[in-house]
N, C-alpha and C. Protein backbone atom coordinates (compact mmCIF):
# COMPACT_ATOMS: atom_id res chain seq x y z
N MET A 1 0.85 -1.18 0.00
CA MET A 1 0.00 0.00 0.00
C MET A 1 0.89 1.24 0.00
N ASN A 2 0.68 2.11 -0.97
CA ASN A 2 1.41 3.37 -1.03
C ASN A 2 0.69 4.43 -0.23
N LEU A 3 1.46 5.40 0.26
CA LEU A 3 0.82 6.49 0.96
C LEU A 3 1.59 7.78 0.74
N TRP A 4 0.86 8.87 0.94
CA TRP A 4 1.41 10.22 0.84
C TRP A 4 0.97 10.96 2.09
N ILE A 5 1.90 11.70 2.67
CA ILE A 5 1.60 12.46 3.88
C ILE A 5 1.79 13.94 3.59
N TYR A 6 0.76 14.70 3.91
CA TYR A 6 0.79 16.15 3.75
C TYR A 6 0.65 16.79 5.13
N GLN A 7 1.52 17.73 5.41
CA GLN A 7 1.54 18.41 6.70
C GLN A 7 0.98 19.82 6.54
N ALA A 8 -0.05 20.12 7.30
CA ALA A 8 -0.64 21.46 7.25
C ALA A 8 0.16 22.41 8.13
N ASP A 9 0.11 23.67 7.79
CA ASP A 9 0.83 24.67 8.56
C ASP A 9 0.08 25.10 9.82
N ARG A 10 -1.08 24.50 10.03
CA ARG A 10 -1.85 24.76 11.26
C ARG A 10 -2.82 23.60 11.47
N GLN A 11 -3.34 23.52 12.66
CA GLN A 11 -4.31 22.49 12.98
C GLN A 11 -5.69 22.91 12.46
N LEU A 12 -6.45 21.94 12.00
CA LEU A 12 -7.82 22.20 11.55
C LEU A 12 -8.73 22.39 12.75
N SER A 13 -9.69 23.28 12.61
CA SER A 13 -10.72 23.42 13.63
C SER A 13 -11.64 22.20 13.54
N ASP A 14 -12.47 21.98 14.55
CA ASP A 14 -13.40 20.86 14.52
C ASP A 14 -14.37 20.98 13.34
N GLU A 15 -14.83 22.20 13.06
CA GLU A 15 -15.73 22.43 11.94
C GLU A 15 -15.04 22.13 10.61
N GLU A 16 -13.79 22.62 10.48
CA GLU A 16 -13.04 22.36 9.26
C GLU A 16 -12.78 20.87 9.08
N LYS A 17 -12.51 20.18 10.18
CA LYS A 17 -12.21 18.75 10.09
C LYS A 17 -13.38 17.98 9.48
N LEU A 18 -14.60 18.30 9.87
CA LEU A 18 -15.76 17.62 9.31
C LEU A 18 -15.88 17.87 7.81
N SER A 19 -15.72 19.11 7.41
CA SER A 19 -15.79 19.45 5.99
C SER A 19 -14.63 18.82 5.23
N PHE A 20 -13.46 18.86 5.83
CA PHE A 20 -12.25 18.27 5.23
C PHE A 20 -12.47 16.78 4.98
N LYS A 21 -13.02 16.08 5.98
CA LYS A 21 -13.29 14.64 5.83
C LYS A 21 -14.26 14.38 4.68
N ASN A 22 -15.28 15.22 4.57
CA ASN A 22 -16.24 15.06 3.47
C ASN A 22 -15.55 15.23 2.13
N ASP A 23 -14.72 16.27 2.01
CA ASP A 23 -13.99 16.49 0.76
C ASP A 23 -13.08 15.31 0.43
N LEU A 24 -12.34 14.83 1.43
CA LEU A 24 -11.44 13.70 1.21
C LEU A 24 -12.21 12.43 0.84
N GLN A 25 -13.36 12.22 1.48
CA GLN A 25 -14.16 11.03 1.16
C GLN A 25 -14.67 11.09 -0.27
N GLU A 26 -15.13 12.26 -0.68
CA GLU A 26 -15.60 12.41 -2.06
C GLU A 26 -14.47 12.13 -3.04
N PHE A 27 -13.28 12.64 -2.73
CA PHE A 27 -12.15 12.42 -3.63
C PHE A 27 -11.77 10.94 -3.68
N THR A 28 -11.60 10.30 -2.53
CA THR A 28 -11.18 8.89 -2.53
C THR A 28 -12.24 7.99 -3.16
N ASP A 29 -13.52 8.37 -3.04
CA ASP A 29 -14.58 7.58 -3.66
C ASP A 29 -14.53 7.62 -5.19
N ARG A 30 -14.03 8.71 -5.76
CA ARG A 30 -14.01 8.84 -7.22
C ARG A 30 -12.62 8.67 -7.81
N TRP A 31 -11.59 8.54 -6.99
CA TRP A 31 -10.21 8.48 -7.47
C TRP A 31 -9.99 7.22 -8.29
N ASN A 32 -9.41 7.36 -9.47
CA ASN A 32 -9.17 6.21 -10.33
C ASN A 32 -7.87 6.39 -11.10
N ALA A 33 -7.42 5.28 -11.68
CA ALA A 33 -6.22 5.27 -12.52
C ALA A 33 -6.58 4.56 -13.81
N HIS A 34 -6.55 5.28 -14.90
CA HIS A 34 -6.87 4.72 -16.22
C HIS A 34 -8.23 4.01 -16.21
N GLY A 35 -9.20 4.65 -15.56
CA GLY A 35 -10.55 4.11 -15.53
C GLY A 35 -10.81 3.06 -14.47
N LYS A 36 -9.78 2.63 -13.76
CA LYS A 36 -9.96 1.64 -12.69
C LYS A 36 -10.02 2.36 -11.35
N LYS A 37 -11.05 2.03 -10.58
CA LYS A 37 -11.23 2.63 -9.26
C LYS A 37 -10.05 2.27 -8.37
N LEU A 38 -9.48 3.27 -7.71
CA LEU A 38 -8.42 3.02 -6.73
C LEU A 38 -9.04 2.74 -5.37
N THR A 39 -8.51 1.76 -4.68
CA THR A 39 -8.95 1.47 -3.33
C THR A 39 -8.15 2.38 -2.42
N ALA A 40 -8.78 3.48 -2.03
CA ALA A 40 -8.08 4.52 -1.29
C ALA A 40 -8.78 4.83 0.02
N GLU A 41 -7.99 5.29 0.96
CA GLU A 41 -8.52 5.74 2.25
C GLU A 41 -7.63 6.87 2.74
N PHE A 42 -8.08 7.50 3.80
CA PHE A 42 -7.33 8.62 4.34
C PHE A 42 -7.44 8.66 5.86
N GLU A 43 -6.53 9.38 6.47
CA GLU A 43 -6.57 9.67 7.90
C GLU A 43 -6.23 11.14 8.07
N LEU A 44 -6.64 11.70 9.19
CA LEU A 44 -6.29 13.08 9.54
C LEU A 44 -5.67 13.11 10.94
N PRO A 45 -4.49 12.53 11.11
CA PRO A 45 -3.89 12.49 12.44
C PRO A 45 -3.60 13.89 12.98
N TYR A 46 -3.88 14.03 14.25
CA TYR A 46 -3.64 15.29 14.97
C TYR A 46 -4.38 16.48 14.34
N ASN A 47 -5.32 16.25 13.47
CA ASN A 47 -6.03 17.32 12.76
C ASN A 47 -5.07 18.25 12.02
N GLN A 48 -3.87 17.74 11.70
CA GLN A 48 -2.88 18.58 11.05
C GLN A 48 -2.16 17.88 9.89
N PHE A 49 -2.41 16.61 9.71
CA PHE A 49 -1.76 15.86 8.64
C PHE A 49 -2.85 15.16 7.82
N ILE A 50 -2.58 15.02 6.53
CA ILE A 50 -3.41 14.17 5.68
C ILE A 50 -2.55 12.97 5.32
N VAL A 51 -3.05 11.78 5.60
CA VAL A 51 -2.39 10.56 5.16
C VAL A 51 -3.32 9.93 4.14
N LEU A 52 -2.87 9.92 2.90
CA LEU A 52 -3.65 9.39 1.79
C LEU A 52 -3.04 8.06 1.39
N LYS A 53 -3.85 6.99 1.41
CA LYS A 53 -3.35 5.64 1.16
C LYS A 53 -4.05 5.02 -0.04
N VAL A 54 -3.29 4.23 -0.80
CA VAL A 54 -3.85 3.49 -1.93
C VAL A 54 -3.39 2.05 -1.84
N ASP A 55 -4.36 1.13 -1.83
CA ASP A 55 -4.06 -0.30 -1.89
C ASP A 55 -3.87 -0.65 -3.36
N GLU A 56 -2.64 -0.92 -3.75
CA GLU A 56 -2.35 -1.13 -5.17
C GLU A 56 -2.50 -2.57 -5.62
N GLU A 57 -3.08 -3.41 -4.80
CA GLU A 57 -3.36 -4.78 -5.24
C GLU A 57 -4.50 -4.78 -6.26
N GLN A 58 -5.44 -3.86 -6.11
CA GLN A 58 -6.57 -3.77 -7.03
C GLN A 58 -6.18 -3.03 -8.31
N ALA A 59 -5.60 -1.85 -8.13
CA ALA A 59 -5.15 -1.01 -9.25
C ALA A 59 -4.03 -0.12 -8.74
N LYS A 60 -3.03 0.09 -9.58
CA LYS A 60 -1.89 0.90 -9.19
C LYS A 60 -2.15 2.37 -9.51
N ALA A 61 -1.70 3.22 -8.58
CA ALA A 61 -1.77 4.66 -8.83
C ALA A 61 -0.77 4.99 -9.94
N SER A 62 -1.24 5.69 -10.94
CA SER A 62 -0.39 6.05 -12.07
C SER A 62 0.01 7.51 -11.96
N GLY A 63 0.86 7.95 -12.88
CA GLY A 63 1.26 9.35 -12.90
C GLY A 63 0.07 10.29 -12.96
N CYS A 64 -0.88 9.95 -13.81
CA CYS A 64 -2.07 10.80 -13.96
C CYS A 64 -2.91 10.83 -12.69
N SER A 65 -3.06 9.67 -12.05
CA SER A 65 -3.87 9.64 -10.83
C SER A 65 -3.15 10.35 -9.68
N ILE A 66 -1.84 10.26 -9.64
CA ILE A 66 -1.08 10.98 -8.61
C ILE A 66 -1.18 12.48 -8.87
N ASP A 67 -1.09 12.87 -10.14
CA ASP A 67 -1.29 14.29 -10.48
C ASP A 67 -2.67 14.76 -10.05
N ASP A 68 -3.66 13.91 -10.23
CA ASP A 68 -5.03 14.24 -9.82
C ASP A 68 -5.09 14.48 -8.31
N SER A 69 -4.40 13.65 -7.54
CA SER A 69 -4.41 13.83 -6.09
C SER A 69 -3.71 15.13 -5.69
N VAL A 70 -2.63 15.46 -6.38
CA VAL A 70 -1.92 16.72 -6.08
C VAL A 70 -2.82 17.91 -6.39
N ARG A 71 -3.52 17.87 -7.51
CA ARG A 71 -4.46 18.96 -7.83
C ARG A 71 -5.54 19.06 -6.75
N PHE A 72 -6.03 17.92 -6.30
CA PHE A 72 -7.05 17.93 -5.26
C PHE A 72 -6.50 18.54 -3.96
N ILE A 73 -5.31 18.14 -3.55
CA ILE A 73 -4.71 18.68 -2.33
C ILE A 73 -4.53 20.19 -2.46
N LYS A 74 -4.17 20.65 -3.64
CA LYS A 74 -4.03 22.09 -3.86
C LYS A 74 -5.38 22.81 -3.71
N THR A 75 -6.47 22.15 -4.11
CA THR A 75 -7.79 22.78 -3.91
C THR A 75 -8.11 22.88 -2.42
N LEU A 76 -7.67 21.87 -1.64
CA LEU A 76 -7.87 21.94 -0.19
C LEU A 76 -7.10 23.11 0.41
N GLU A 77 -5.89 23.32 -0.10
CA GLU A 77 -5.09 24.46 0.38
C GLU A 77 -5.86 25.77 0.20
N GLN A 78 -6.42 25.94 -0.99
CA GLN A 78 -7.14 27.18 -1.27
C GLN A 78 -8.43 27.28 -0.46
N LYS A 79 -9.18 26.20 -0.42
CA LYS A 79 -10.47 26.22 0.27
C LYS A 79 -10.33 26.50 1.76
N TYR A 80 -9.28 25.95 2.38
CA TYR A 80 -9.13 26.07 3.83
C TYR A 80 -8.01 27.04 4.24
N ASN A 81 -7.45 27.71 3.26
CA ASN A 81 -6.37 28.67 3.53
C ASN A 81 -5.25 28.02 4.34
N LEU A 82 -4.73 26.94 3.78
CA LEU A 82 -3.66 26.15 4.41
C LEU A 82 -2.47 26.05 3.46
N SER A 83 -1.34 25.70 4.03
CA SER A 83 -0.19 25.30 3.22
C SER A 83 0.02 23.82 3.50
N LEU A 84 -0.02 23.00 2.45
CA LEU A 84 0.13 21.55 2.59
C LEU A 84 1.35 21.00 1.86
N PHE A 85 2.09 21.86 1.16
CA PHE A 85 3.24 21.41 0.39
C PHE A 85 4.56 21.98 0.87
N ASP A 86 4.55 22.72 1.97
CA ASP A 86 5.78 23.33 2.47
C ASP A 86 6.61 22.27 3.19
N ARG A 87 7.72 21.88 2.60
CA ARG A 87 8.59 20.85 3.17
C ARG A 87 9.77 21.47 3.93
N THR A 88 9.70 22.78 4.19
CA THR A 88 10.80 23.45 4.89
C THR A 88 10.58 23.51 6.39
N ASN A 89 9.48 22.93 6.87
CA ASN A 89 9.21 22.90 8.30
C ASN A 89 9.19 21.47 8.82
N MET A 90 9.78 21.29 9.98
CA MET A 90 9.73 20.00 10.67
C MET A 90 8.62 20.10 11.72
N ALA A 91 7.77 19.09 11.77
CA ALA A 91 6.75 19.03 12.81
C ALA A 91 7.29 18.17 13.95
N TYR A 92 7.04 18.65 15.17
CA TYR A 92 7.45 17.88 16.34
C TYR A 92 6.35 17.92 17.39
N LEU A 93 6.38 16.93 18.26
CA LEU A 93 5.37 16.76 19.29
C LEU A 93 5.96 17.15 20.64
N LYS A 94 5.26 18.07 21.31
CA LYS A 94 5.70 18.49 22.64
C LYS A 94 4.46 18.77 23.47
N ASP A 95 4.39 18.15 24.64
CA ASP A 95 3.24 18.33 25.53
C ASP A 95 1.92 18.06 24.80
N ASP A 96 1.91 17.00 23.99
CA ASP A 96 0.71 16.58 23.24
C ASP A 96 0.23 17.61 22.22
N HIS A 97 1.09 18.51 21.80
CA HIS A 97 0.77 19.49 20.77
C HIS A 97 1.78 19.39 19.63
N ILE A 98 1.31 19.69 18.44
CA ILE A 98 2.19 19.72 17.27
C ILE A 98 2.73 21.13 17.11
N PHE A 99 4.03 21.23 16.93
CA PHE A 99 4.69 22.49 16.65
C PHE A 99 5.46 22.35 15.35
N LEU A 100 5.63 23.45 14.64
CA LEU A 100 6.40 23.46 13.41
C LEU A 100 7.63 24.32 13.61
N ALA A 101 8.74 23.87 13.03
CA ALA A 101 9.98 24.63 13.11
C ALA A 101 10.65 24.62 11.75
N PRO A 102 11.12 25.79 11.30
CA PRO A 102 11.89 25.80 10.05
C PRO A 102 13.14 24.94 10.21
N LEU A 103 13.49 24.22 9.16
CA LEU A 103 14.64 23.33 9.23
C LEU A 103 15.91 24.05 9.66
N ASN A 104 16.06 25.30 9.24
CA ASN A 104 17.27 26.03 9.59
C ASN A 104 17.29 26.51 11.05
N LYS A 105 16.22 26.23 11.80
CA LYS A 105 16.16 26.61 13.22
C LYS A 105 16.28 25.41 14.16
N ILE A 106 16.38 24.20 13.60
CA ILE A 106 16.43 23.00 14.45
C ILE A 106 17.60 23.05 15.42
N SER A 107 18.76 23.41 14.95
CA SER A 107 19.94 23.47 15.81
C SER A 107 19.75 24.43 16.97
N SER A 108 19.19 25.60 16.69
CA SER A 108 18.98 26.57 17.77
C SER A 108 17.91 26.09 18.74
N LEU A 109 16.91 25.35 18.26
CA LEU A 109 15.89 24.81 19.16
C LEU A 109 16.50 23.77 20.11
N VAL A 110 17.45 23.00 19.60
CA VAL A 110 18.15 22.04 20.46
C VAL A 110 19.01 22.79 21.48
N SER A 111 19.72 23.81 21.03
CA SER A 111 20.62 24.53 21.95
C SER A 111 19.85 25.28 23.04
N THR A 112 18.62 25.71 22.76
CA THR A 112 17.82 26.40 23.78
C THR A 112 17.03 25.43 24.64
N GLY A 113 17.01 24.15 24.28
CA GLY A 113 16.28 23.16 25.06
C GLY A 113 14.83 23.00 24.68
N GLU A 114 14.39 23.72 23.65
CA GLU A 114 13.00 23.58 23.18
C GLU A 114 12.74 22.15 22.71
N ILE A 115 13.72 21.57 22.02
CA ILE A 115 13.65 20.18 21.61
C ILE A 115 14.98 19.52 21.98
N ASN A 116 14.97 18.19 21.97
CA ASN A 116 16.20 17.44 22.27
C ASN A 116 16.24 16.21 21.36
N PRO A 117 17.31 15.44 21.41
CA PRO A 117 17.41 14.28 20.53
C PRO A 117 16.27 13.26 20.67
N ASP A 118 15.57 13.28 21.80
CA ASP A 118 14.47 12.34 22.02
C ASP A 118 13.09 12.92 21.68
N THR A 119 13.04 14.18 21.26
CA THR A 119 11.78 14.79 20.87
C THR A 119 11.21 14.04 19.66
N ILE A 120 9.93 13.73 19.72
CA ILE A 120 9.27 13.01 18.62
C ILE A 120 9.03 13.98 17.46
N VAL A 121 9.52 13.58 16.28
CA VAL A 121 9.31 14.36 15.06
C VAL A 121 8.61 13.47 14.04
N PHE A 122 8.10 14.09 12.99
CA PHE A 122 7.31 13.39 11.99
C PHE A 122 8.07 13.33 10.67
N ASP A 123 8.26 12.12 10.16
CA ASP A 123 8.93 11.92 8.88
C ASP A 123 7.87 11.75 7.80
N ASN A 124 7.54 12.85 7.13
CA ASN A 124 6.48 12.83 6.12
C ASN A 124 6.95 12.32 4.77
N THR A 125 8.19 11.85 4.71
CA THR A 125 8.72 11.33 3.44
C THR A 125 8.43 9.85 3.25
N ILE A 126 7.94 9.16 4.27
CA ILE A 126 7.67 7.74 4.09
C ILE A 126 6.55 7.58 3.07
N SER A 127 6.63 6.51 2.29
CA SER A 127 5.65 6.34 1.22
C SER A 127 5.08 4.93 1.14
N ASP A 128 5.41 4.11 2.12
CA ASP A 128 4.92 2.73 2.11
C ASP A 128 4.19 2.45 3.42
N GLN A 129 3.03 1.83 3.31
CA GLN A 129 2.21 1.52 4.47
C GLN A 129 2.99 0.74 5.53
N LYS A 130 3.94 -0.08 5.12
CA LYS A 130 4.68 -0.88 6.11
C LYS A 130 5.50 0.00 7.05
N ASP A 131 5.79 1.23 6.64
CA ASP A 131 6.54 2.16 7.48
C ASP A 131 5.65 3.07 8.32
N TYR A 132 4.35 3.02 8.06
CA TYR A 132 3.40 3.89 8.75
C TYR A 132 2.54 3.06 9.69
N PRO A 133 2.34 3.46 10.91
CA PRO A 133 2.86 4.65 11.55
C PRO A 133 4.18 4.47 12.29
N ALA A 134 4.70 3.24 12.34
CA ALA A 134 5.88 2.96 13.17
C ALA A 134 7.08 3.85 12.88
N HIS A 135 7.29 4.19 11.62
CA HIS A 135 8.45 5.01 11.27
C HIS A 135 8.09 6.45 10.92
N TRP A 136 6.86 6.81 11.17
CA TRP A 136 6.42 8.17 10.91
C TRP A 136 6.77 9.09 12.08
N GLN A 137 6.56 8.60 13.29
CA GLN A 137 6.84 9.37 14.50
C GLN A 137 8.05 8.73 15.18
N LEU A 138 9.16 9.45 15.16
CA LEU A 138 10.41 8.92 15.70
C LEU A 138 11.14 9.99 16.51
N PRO A 139 12.02 9.56 17.41
CA PRO A 139 12.87 10.55 18.08
C PRO A 139 13.74 11.26 17.05
N LEU A 140 13.97 12.53 17.26
CA LEU A 140 14.77 13.35 16.35
C LEU A 140 16.08 12.66 15.99
N LYS A 141 16.74 12.06 16.96
CA LYS A 141 18.05 11.45 16.74
C LYS A 141 18.01 10.30 15.75
N GLU A 142 16.83 9.73 15.48
CA GLU A 142 16.69 8.60 14.56
C GLU A 142 16.22 9.00 13.17
N THR A 143 16.20 10.30 12.91
CA THR A 143 15.69 10.77 11.62
C THR A 143 16.75 11.57 10.87
N ALA A 144 16.46 11.85 9.62
CA ALA A 144 17.38 12.68 8.82
C ALA A 144 17.45 14.11 9.37
N TYR A 145 16.45 14.51 10.14
CA TYR A 145 16.49 15.85 10.74
C TYR A 145 17.67 16.01 11.70
N ALA A 146 18.18 14.91 12.22
CA ALA A 146 19.34 14.98 13.12
C ALA A 146 20.53 15.62 12.43
N ASN A 147 20.58 15.56 11.11
CA ASN A 147 21.67 16.18 10.35
C ASN A 147 21.66 17.70 10.47
N PHE A 148 20.51 18.28 10.87
CA PHE A 148 20.41 19.72 11.00
C PHE A 148 20.91 20.22 12.36
N VAL A 149 21.21 19.29 13.26
CA VAL A 149 21.64 19.69 14.61
C VAL A 149 23.14 19.96 14.61
């Protein structure tokens, strides 16, 4: 199963979450590749991430269908006034809240004690269901973000 993770620049409100779920359900219900229905599902962890999954045993996501999903995600950005494609921020978990930090500030956050090598961060680059969720949320020291320290 392939997956794509999109990180929002803010948490969705409860009202937005309901509408967001409806939009995502409509998209996954109609999503196809070369006329074949894709078996797709989604999650909205922490009300701040979209995890879009496709079971490729039935039909494989193609370039065109992936492009379709990107166009759809861009419509969500506009509709909800969000940024979902900014890969210059690292999301981390502190006191049960999600915080975002620019990659170029990670070292200073460590030096001030805001985060440490054991702080849980999110690796949104994983693309295979076998890595999710076990390798999505990891201590900073176990991720490529450690290179920024």
